[in-house]
């Protein structure tokens, strides 16, 4: 018996722009300036925007948060404890030569149960960034 995989539409640039606008709108409502990064399922940059007044490092942190969420298919907020001493992934940040960042604000994006990309937000407090990213994914549907 042959099983034919069901095709899932990839994350598009239109989706990426919608994620950026939703995250920025949520941040603006909270009075926070942020950077937002959207990656496709292959880890390629689809969209990026940093508010003029956001701290410069927000661009790097948003990208690393998105990359981490994509690679581990989990919200970075759910991984913070895993990299603490004694945690499941304690050595992961130093064992790999990859831009992983275990700070809340990265969220995977799924469509029909399949991983299609990730969004990362940097610039606010970690719990704020997580909320902005989560809201963006929720609005995308």
N, C-alpha and C. Protein backbone atom coordinates (compact mmCIF):
# COMPACT_ATOMS: atom_id res chain seq x y z
N UNK A 1 0.84 -1.17 0.00
CA UNK A 1 0.00 0.00 0.00
C UNK A 1 0.89 1.24 0.00
N UNK A 2 0.64 2.12 -0.93
CA UNK A 2 1.41 3.35 -1.04
C UNK A 2 0.64 4.48 -0.37
N UNK A 3 1.37 5.21 0.46
CA UNK A 3 0.77 6.36 1.14
C UNK A 3 1.24 7.61 0.40
N UNK A 4 0.30 8.38 -0.08
CA UNK A 4 0.62 9.62 -0.77
C UNK A 4 0.54 10.77 0.22
N UNK A 5 1.65 11.49 0.39
CA UNK A 5 1.61 12.62 1.33
C UNK A 5 0.66 13.71 0.83
N UNK A 6 0.01 14.34 1.75
CA UNK A 6 -0.89 15.44 1.41
C UNK A 6 -0.08 16.72 1.34
N UNK A 7 -0.19 17.42 0.24
CA UNK A 7 0.54 18.67 0.07
C UNK A 7 -0.05 19.74 0.97
N UNK A 8 0.84 20.49 1.58
CA UNK A 8 0.44 21.62 2.42
C UNK A 8 1.03 22.86 1.80
N UNK A 9 0.22 23.88 1.65
CA UNK A 9 0.70 25.13 1.06
C UNK A 9 1.81 25.71 1.92
N UNK A 10 2.91 26.11 1.30
CA UNK A 10 4.01 26.69 2.07
C UNK A 10 3.67 28.09 2.57
N UNK A 11 4.49 28.57 3.45
CA UNK A 11 4.37 29.94 3.93
C UNK A 11 4.78 30.86 2.78
N UNK A 12 3.93 31.79 2.43
CA UNK A 12 4.20 32.68 1.30
C UNK A 12 4.70 34.03 1.80
N UNK A 13 5.18 34.84 0.87
CA UNK A 13 5.59 36.19 1.25
C UNK A 13 4.39 37.00 1.73
N UNK A 14 3.22 36.72 1.18
CA UNK A 14 2.00 37.40 1.65
C UNK A 14 1.71 37.00 3.10
N UNK A 15 1.85 35.71 3.42
CA UNK A 15 1.69 35.24 4.79
C UNK A 15 2.71 35.92 5.70
N UNK A 16 3.95 35.99 5.23
CA UNK A 16 5.02 36.58 6.03
C UNK A 16 4.74 38.04 6.33
N UNK A 17 4.27 38.78 5.34
CA UNK A 17 3.93 40.19 5.56
C UNK A 17 2.77 40.32 6.55
N UNK A 18 1.81 39.41 6.46
CA UNK A 18 0.68 39.43 7.40
C UNK A 18 1.17 39.16 8.82
N UNK A 19 2.10 38.22 8.97
CA UNK A 19 2.66 37.93 10.30
C UNK A 19 3.40 39.14 10.85
N UNK A 20 4.17 39.80 10.02
CA UNK A 20 4.91 40.99 10.46
C UNK A 20 3.95 42.08 10.90
N UNK A 21 2.95 42.35 10.08
CA UNK A 21 2.01 43.42 10.42
C UNK A 21 1.23 43.10 11.69
N UNK A 22 0.83 41.85 11.87
CA UNK A 22 0.08 41.47 13.07
C UNK A 22 0.95 41.60 14.32
N UNK A 23 2.19 41.15 14.24
CA UNK A 23 3.09 41.25 15.40
C UNK A 23 3.39 42.71 15.72
N UNK A 24 3.64 43.51 14.71
CA UNK A 24 3.93 44.93 14.93
C UNK A 24 2.71 45.66 15.49
N UNK A 25 1.52 45.31 15.01
CA UNK A 25 0.30 45.94 15.53
C UNK A 25 0.11 45.60 17.00
N UNK A 26 0.34 44.35 17.37
CA UNK A 26 0.20 43.94 18.77
C UNK A 26 1.23 44.68 19.63
N UNK A 27 2.45 44.81 19.13
CA UNK A 27 3.50 45.51 19.86
C UNK A 27 3.16 47.00 20.00
N UNK A 28 2.68 47.57 18.91
CA UNK A 28 2.32 49.00 18.94
C UNK A 28 1.21 49.26 19.95
N UNK A 29 0.23 48.37 20.00
CA UNK A 29 -0.86 48.51 20.97
C UNK A 29 -0.33 48.49 22.40
N UNK A 30 0.78 47.79 22.62
CA UNK A 30 1.39 47.69 23.94
C UNK A 30 2.44 48.79 24.17
N UNK A 31 2.66 49.62 23.16
CA UNK A 31 3.65 50.69 23.28
C UNK A 31 5.09 50.20 23.22
N UNK A 32 5.32 49.09 22.51
CA UNK A 32 6.65 48.49 22.43
C UNK A 32 7.14 48.53 20.99
N UNK A 33 8.42 48.90 20.79
CA UNK A 33 9.00 48.87 19.46
C UNK A 33 9.78 47.56 19.31
N UNK A 34 9.60 46.91 18.17
CA UNK A 34 10.15 45.56 17.99
C UNK A 34 10.75 45.37 16.60
N UNK A 35 11.45 44.25 16.48
CA UNK A 35 11.85 43.71 15.19
C UNK A 35 11.14 42.38 15.03
N UNK A 36 10.76 42.06 13.81
CA UNK A 36 10.04 40.81 13.53
C UNK A 36 10.71 40.13 12.35
N UNK A 37 10.96 38.84 12.51
CA UNK A 37 11.56 38.02 11.45
C UNK A 37 10.63 36.86 11.14
N UNK A 38 10.46 36.55 9.85
CA UNK A 38 9.68 35.39 9.42
C UNK A 38 10.58 34.53 8.54
N UNK A 39 10.67 33.24 8.90
CA UNK A 39 11.43 32.26 8.14
C UNK A 39 10.50 31.23 7.54
N UNK A 40 10.85 30.71 6.36
CA UNK A 40 10.07 29.61 5.78
C UNK A 40 10.53 28.28 6.39
N UNK A 41 9.95 27.19 5.96
CA UNK A 41 10.24 25.88 6.54
C UNK A 41 11.69 25.46 6.37
N UNK A 42 12.37 26.01 5.39
CA UNK A 42 13.77 25.69 5.17
C UNK A 42 14.73 26.60 5.93
N UNK A 43 14.17 27.52 6.70
CA UNK A 43 15.00 28.46 7.46
C UNK A 43 15.43 29.68 6.68
N UNK A 44 14.83 29.88 5.52
CA UNK A 44 15.17 31.03 4.68
C UNK A 44 14.34 32.25 5.08
N UNK A 45 14.98 33.41 5.05
CA UNK A 45 14.31 34.65 5.40
C UNK A 45 13.22 34.98 4.38
N UNK A 46 11.99 35.14 4.87
CA UNK A 46 10.89 35.57 4.00
C UNK A 46 10.58 37.05 4.20
N UNK A 47 10.70 37.51 5.45
CA UNK A 47 10.39 38.91 5.72
C UNK A 47 11.06 39.33 7.03
N UNK A 48 11.42 40.61 7.08
CA UNK A 48 12.04 41.17 8.27
C UNK A 48 11.68 42.65 8.35
N UNK A 49 11.39 43.10 9.55
CA UNK A 49 11.17 44.54 9.75
C UNK A 49 11.54 44.90 11.17
N UNK A 50 12.32 45.99 11.30
CA UNK A 50 12.67 46.53 12.61
C UNK A 50 12.13 47.94 12.70
N UNK A 51 11.34 48.20 13.76
CA UNK A 51 10.85 49.55 13.97
C UNK A 51 12.03 50.50 14.12
N UNK A 52 11.86 51.72 13.65
CA UNK A 52 12.94 52.71 13.69
C UNK A 52 13.52 52.90 15.09
N UNK A 53 12.70 52.84 16.10
CA UNK A 53 13.14 53.10 17.47
C UNK A 53 13.46 51.83 18.26
N UNK A 54 13.36 50.68 17.63
CA UNK A 54 13.69 49.43 18.33
C UNK A 54 15.20 49.35 18.53
N UNK A 55 15.61 48.77 19.64
CA UNK A 55 17.05 48.60 19.88
C UNK A 55 17.64 47.77 18.75
N UNK A 56 18.87 48.06 18.38
CA UNK A 56 19.48 47.41 17.23
C UNK A 56 19.57 45.90 17.39
N UNK A 57 19.84 45.41 18.58
CA UNK A 57 19.99 43.97 18.80
C UNK A 57 18.67 43.23 18.59
N UNK A 58 17.56 43.94 18.58
CA UNK A 58 16.25 43.30 18.38
C UNK A 58 16.19 42.56 17.05
N UNK A 59 16.88 43.07 16.04
CA UNK A 59 16.90 42.39 14.74
C UNK A 59 17.56 41.03 14.83
N UNK A 60 18.69 40.98 15.50
CA UNK A 60 19.40 39.70 15.65
C UNK A 60 18.62 38.74 16.54
N UNK A 61 18.06 39.24 17.63
CA UNK A 61 17.34 38.34 18.53
C UNK A 61 16.06 37.81 17.88
N UNK A 62 15.37 38.64 17.11
CA UNK A 62 14.15 38.16 16.45
C UNK A 62 14.48 37.05 15.46
N UNK A 63 15.57 37.18 14.75
CA UNK A 63 15.97 36.17 13.77
C UNK A 63 16.38 34.87 14.46
N UNK A 64 17.15 34.97 15.52
CA UNK A 64 17.59 33.77 16.24
C UNK A 64 16.42 33.07 16.93
N UNK A 65 15.48 33.84 17.44
CA UNK A 65 14.30 33.23 18.06
C UNK A 65 13.48 32.47 17.02
N UNK A 66 13.29 33.07 15.85
CA UNK A 66 12.55 32.38 14.78
C UNK A 66 13.28 31.11 14.37
N UNK A 67 14.59 31.17 14.22
CA UNK A 67 15.38 30.01 13.82
C UNK A 67 15.27 28.89 14.85
N UNK A 68 15.34 29.24 16.12
CA UNK A 68 15.26 28.25 17.18
C UNK A 68 13.89 27.59 17.20
N UNK A 69 12.83 28.40 17.09
CA UNK A 69 11.47 27.85 17.07
C UNK A 69 11.28 26.92 15.89
N UNK A 70 11.85 27.27 14.74
CA UNK A 70 11.74 26.43 13.55
C UNK A 70 12.50 25.12 13.72
N UNK A 71 13.74 25.20 14.16
CA UNK A 71 14.58 24.01 14.26
C UNK A 71 14.05 23.00 15.27
N UNK A 72 13.46 23.48 16.36
CA UNK A 72 12.97 22.59 17.40
C UNK A 72 11.45 22.42 17.37
N UNK A 73 10.80 23.11 16.40
CA UNK A 73 9.34 23.02 16.24
C UNK A 73 8.63 23.24 17.57
N UNK A 74 9.06 24.30 18.25
CA UNK A 74 8.48 24.63 19.55
C UNK A 74 8.66 26.12 19.82
N UNK A 75 7.74 26.67 20.56
CA UNK A 75 7.88 28.07 20.98
C UNK A 75 9.10 28.18 21.88
N UNK A 76 9.91 29.21 21.67
CA UNK A 76 11.10 29.36 22.49
C UNK A 76 10.74 29.57 23.96
N UNK A 77 9.57 30.11 24.24
CA UNK A 77 9.13 30.27 25.63
C UNK A 77 9.03 28.92 26.33
N UNK A 78 8.74 27.87 25.58
CA UNK A 78 8.61 26.53 26.14
C UNK A 78 9.96 25.82 26.30
N UNK A 79 11.03 26.43 25.81
CA UNK A 79 12.34 25.79 25.81
C UNK A 79 13.31 26.39 26.82
N UNK A 80 12.95 27.50 27.43
CA UNK A 80 13.86 28.21 28.33
C UNK A 80 14.38 27.30 29.44
N UNK A 81 13.50 26.56 30.07
CA UNK A 81 13.93 25.68 31.16
C UNK A 81 14.80 24.52 30.67
N UNK A 82 14.63 24.11 29.43
CA UNK A 82 15.36 22.96 28.90
C UNK A 82 16.86 23.23 28.75
N UNK A 83 17.27 24.51 28.70
CA UNK A 83 18.69 24.82 28.55
C UNK A 83 19.34 25.21 29.87
N UNK A 84 18.59 25.17 30.94
CA UNK A 84 19.15 25.45 32.27
C UNK A 84 19.98 24.24 32.71
N UNK A 85 20.92 24.44 33.65
CA UNK A 85 21.70 23.29 34.14
C UNK A 85 20.79 22.14 34.56
N UNK A 86 21.10 20.96 34.05
CA UNK A 86 20.29 19.79 34.34
C UNK A 86 19.15 19.59 33.37
N UNK A 87 18.89 20.57 32.49
CA UNK A 87 17.79 20.47 31.53
C UNK A 87 18.15 19.59 30.35
N UNK A 88 17.12 19.15 29.65
CA UNK A 88 17.27 18.25 28.51
C UNK A 88 18.24 18.77 27.45
N UNK A 89 18.21 20.08 27.18
CA UNK A 89 19.04 20.68 26.14
C UNK A 89 20.14 21.56 26.71
N UNK A 90 20.58 21.29 27.94
CA UNK A 90 21.55 22.15 28.61
C UNK A 90 22.77 22.48 27.75
N UNK A 91 23.32 21.51 27.05
CA UNK A 91 24.53 21.75 26.26
C UNK A 91 24.25 22.16 24.82
N UNK A 92 23.01 22.15 24.41
CA UNK A 92 22.68 22.44 23.02
C UNK A 92 23.16 23.81 22.54
N UNK A 93 22.98 24.89 23.31
CA UNK A 93 23.43 26.20 22.81
C UNK A 93 24.92 26.26 22.49
N UNK A 94 25.73 25.50 23.19
CA UNK A 94 27.18 25.53 22.93
C UNK A 94 27.65 24.36 22.07
N UNK A 95 26.86 23.30 21.97
CA UNK A 95 27.27 22.12 21.21
C UNK A 95 27.16 22.32 19.71
N UNK A 96 26.26 23.15 19.29
CA UNK A 96 26.04 23.37 17.87
C UNK A 96 26.53 24.74 17.45
N UNK A 97 27.02 24.83 16.23
CA UNK A 97 27.42 26.11 15.68
C UNK A 97 26.24 26.68 14.90
N UNK A 98 25.18 26.96 15.62
CA UNK A 98 23.95 27.47 15.01
C UNK A 98 23.45 28.67 15.81
N UNK A 99 22.69 29.54 15.17
CA UNK A 99 22.22 30.75 15.85
C UNK A 99 20.98 30.52 16.72
N UNK A 100 21.08 29.59 17.66
CA UNK A 100 19.95 29.30 18.55
C UNK A 100 19.88 30.34 19.66
N UNK A 101 18.66 30.67 20.07
CA UNK A 101 18.46 31.60 21.18
C UNK A 101 17.25 31.15 21.97
N UNK A 102 17.49 30.78 23.21
CA UNK A 102 16.44 30.24 24.06
C UNK A 102 15.85 31.32 24.96
N UNK A 103 15.25 32.31 24.32
CA UNK A 103 14.54 33.39 25.00
C UNK A 103 13.17 33.48 24.35
N UNK A 104 12.13 33.67 25.14
CA UNK A 104 10.76 33.73 24.61
C UNK A 104 10.64 34.78 23.51
N UNK A 105 9.86 34.42 22.48
CA UNK A 105 9.61 35.34 21.37
C UNK A 105 9.64 34.67 20.01
N UNK A 106 10.00 33.38 19.96
CA UNK A 106 9.98 32.63 18.72
C UNK A 106 8.85 31.62 18.74
N UNK A 107 8.09 31.54 17.64
CA UNK A 107 6.93 30.66 17.58
C UNK A 107 6.89 29.98 16.21
N UNK A 108 6.75 28.65 16.18
CA UNK A 108 6.62 27.96 14.89
C UNK A 108 5.25 28.27 14.26
N UNK A 109 5.22 28.17 12.94
CA UNK A 109 3.97 28.38 12.20
C UNK A 109 3.60 27.05 11.55
N UNK A 110 2.37 26.60 11.80
CA UNK A 110 1.88 25.34 11.24
C UNK A 110 0.69 25.60 10.33
N UNK A 111 0.55 24.75 9.33
CA UNK A 111 -0.64 24.77 8.48
C UNK A 111 -1.06 23.32 8.30
N UNK A 112 -2.30 23.03 8.61
CA UNK A 112 -2.82 21.66 8.50
C UNK A 112 -1.93 20.67 9.26
N UNK A 113 -1.43 21.11 10.42
CA UNK A 113 -0.62 20.25 11.26
C UNK A 113 0.83 20.10 10.84
N UNK A 114 1.25 20.78 9.78
CA UNK A 114 2.63 20.68 9.30
C UNK A 114 3.38 21.98 9.56
N UNK A 115 4.64 21.86 9.92
CA UNK A 115 5.51 23.01 10.15
C UNK A 115 5.82 23.68 8.82
N UNK A 116 5.49 24.98 8.70
CA UNK A 116 5.75 25.69 7.45
C UNK A 116 6.66 26.90 7.63
N UNK A 117 7.05 27.20 8.87
CA UNK A 117 7.92 28.34 9.10
C UNK A 117 7.91 28.74 10.56
N UNK A 118 8.42 29.95 10.81
CA UNK A 118 8.46 30.45 12.18
C UNK A 118 8.53 31.97 12.15
N UNK A 119 8.07 32.56 13.24
CA UNK A 119 8.15 34.01 13.43
C UNK A 119 8.90 34.27 14.73
N UNK A 120 9.74 35.29 14.70
CA UNK A 120 10.46 35.69 15.90
C UNK A 120 10.28 37.18 16.13
N UNK A 121 10.12 37.55 17.39
CA UNK A 121 9.95 38.95 17.77
C UNK A 121 11.00 39.28 18.83
N UNK A 122 11.65 40.43 18.67
CA UNK A 122 12.62 40.91 19.64
C UNK A 122 12.41 42.39 19.88
N UNK A 123 12.74 42.83 21.07
CA UNK A 123 12.65 44.26 21.37
C UNK A 123 11.90 44.56 22.65
N UNK A 124 10.97 43.70 23.01
CA UNK A 124 10.24 43.87 24.26
C UNK A 124 10.78 42.92 25.31
N UNK A 125 10.11 42.84 26.43
CA UNK A 125 10.44 41.83 27.42
C UNK A 125 10.10 40.47 26.80
N UNK A 126 10.80 39.41 27.19
CA UNK A 126 10.54 38.10 26.57
C UNK A 126 9.07 37.69 26.56
N UNK A 127 8.35 37.90 27.66
CA UNK A 127 6.94 37.50 27.66
C UNK A 127 6.13 38.36 26.71
N UNK A 128 6.49 39.62 26.54
CA UNK A 128 5.81 40.47 25.56
C UNK A 128 6.07 39.96 24.15
N UNK A 129 7.34 39.71 23.84
CA UNK A 129 7.70 39.22 22.50
C UNK A 129 6.96 37.93 22.17
N UNK A 130 6.87 37.03 23.15
CA UNK A 130 6.13 35.78 22.94
C UNK A 130 4.66 36.08 22.63
N UNK A 131 4.08 36.99 23.38
CA UNK A 131 2.69 37.36 23.14
C UNK A 131 2.46 37.95 21.76
N UNK A 132 3.39 38.80 21.31
CA UNK A 132 3.25 39.42 19.99
C UNK A 132 3.38 38.37 18.89
N UNK A 133 4.33 37.45 19.03
CA UNK A 133 4.52 36.40 18.02
C UNK A 133 3.33 35.45 18.00
N UNK A 134 2.86 35.08 19.19
CA UNK A 134 1.70 34.17 19.28
C UNK A 134 0.47 34.81 18.67
N UNK A 135 0.27 36.10 18.93
CA UNK A 135 -0.88 36.80 18.36
C UNK A 135 -0.78 36.84 16.84
N UNK A 136 0.41 37.05 16.31
CA UNK A 136 0.58 37.09 14.86
C UNK A 136 0.21 35.74 14.23
N UNK A 137 0.67 34.66 14.84
CA UNK A 137 0.36 33.32 14.31
C UNK A 137 -1.15 33.05 14.43
N UNK A 138 -1.74 33.48 15.54
CA UNK A 138 -3.19 33.29 15.72
C UNK A 138 -3.96 34.03 14.63
N UNK A 139 -3.56 35.26 14.33
CA UNK A 139 -4.27 36.05 13.32
C UNK A 139 -4.10 35.46 11.92
N UNK A 140 -2.95 34.84 11.67
CA UNK A 140 -2.75 34.22 10.36
C UNK A 140 -3.71 33.06 10.16
N UNK A 141 -4.03 32.40 11.27
CA UNK A 141 -5.00 31.30 11.21
C UNK A 141 -4.32 30.04 10.90
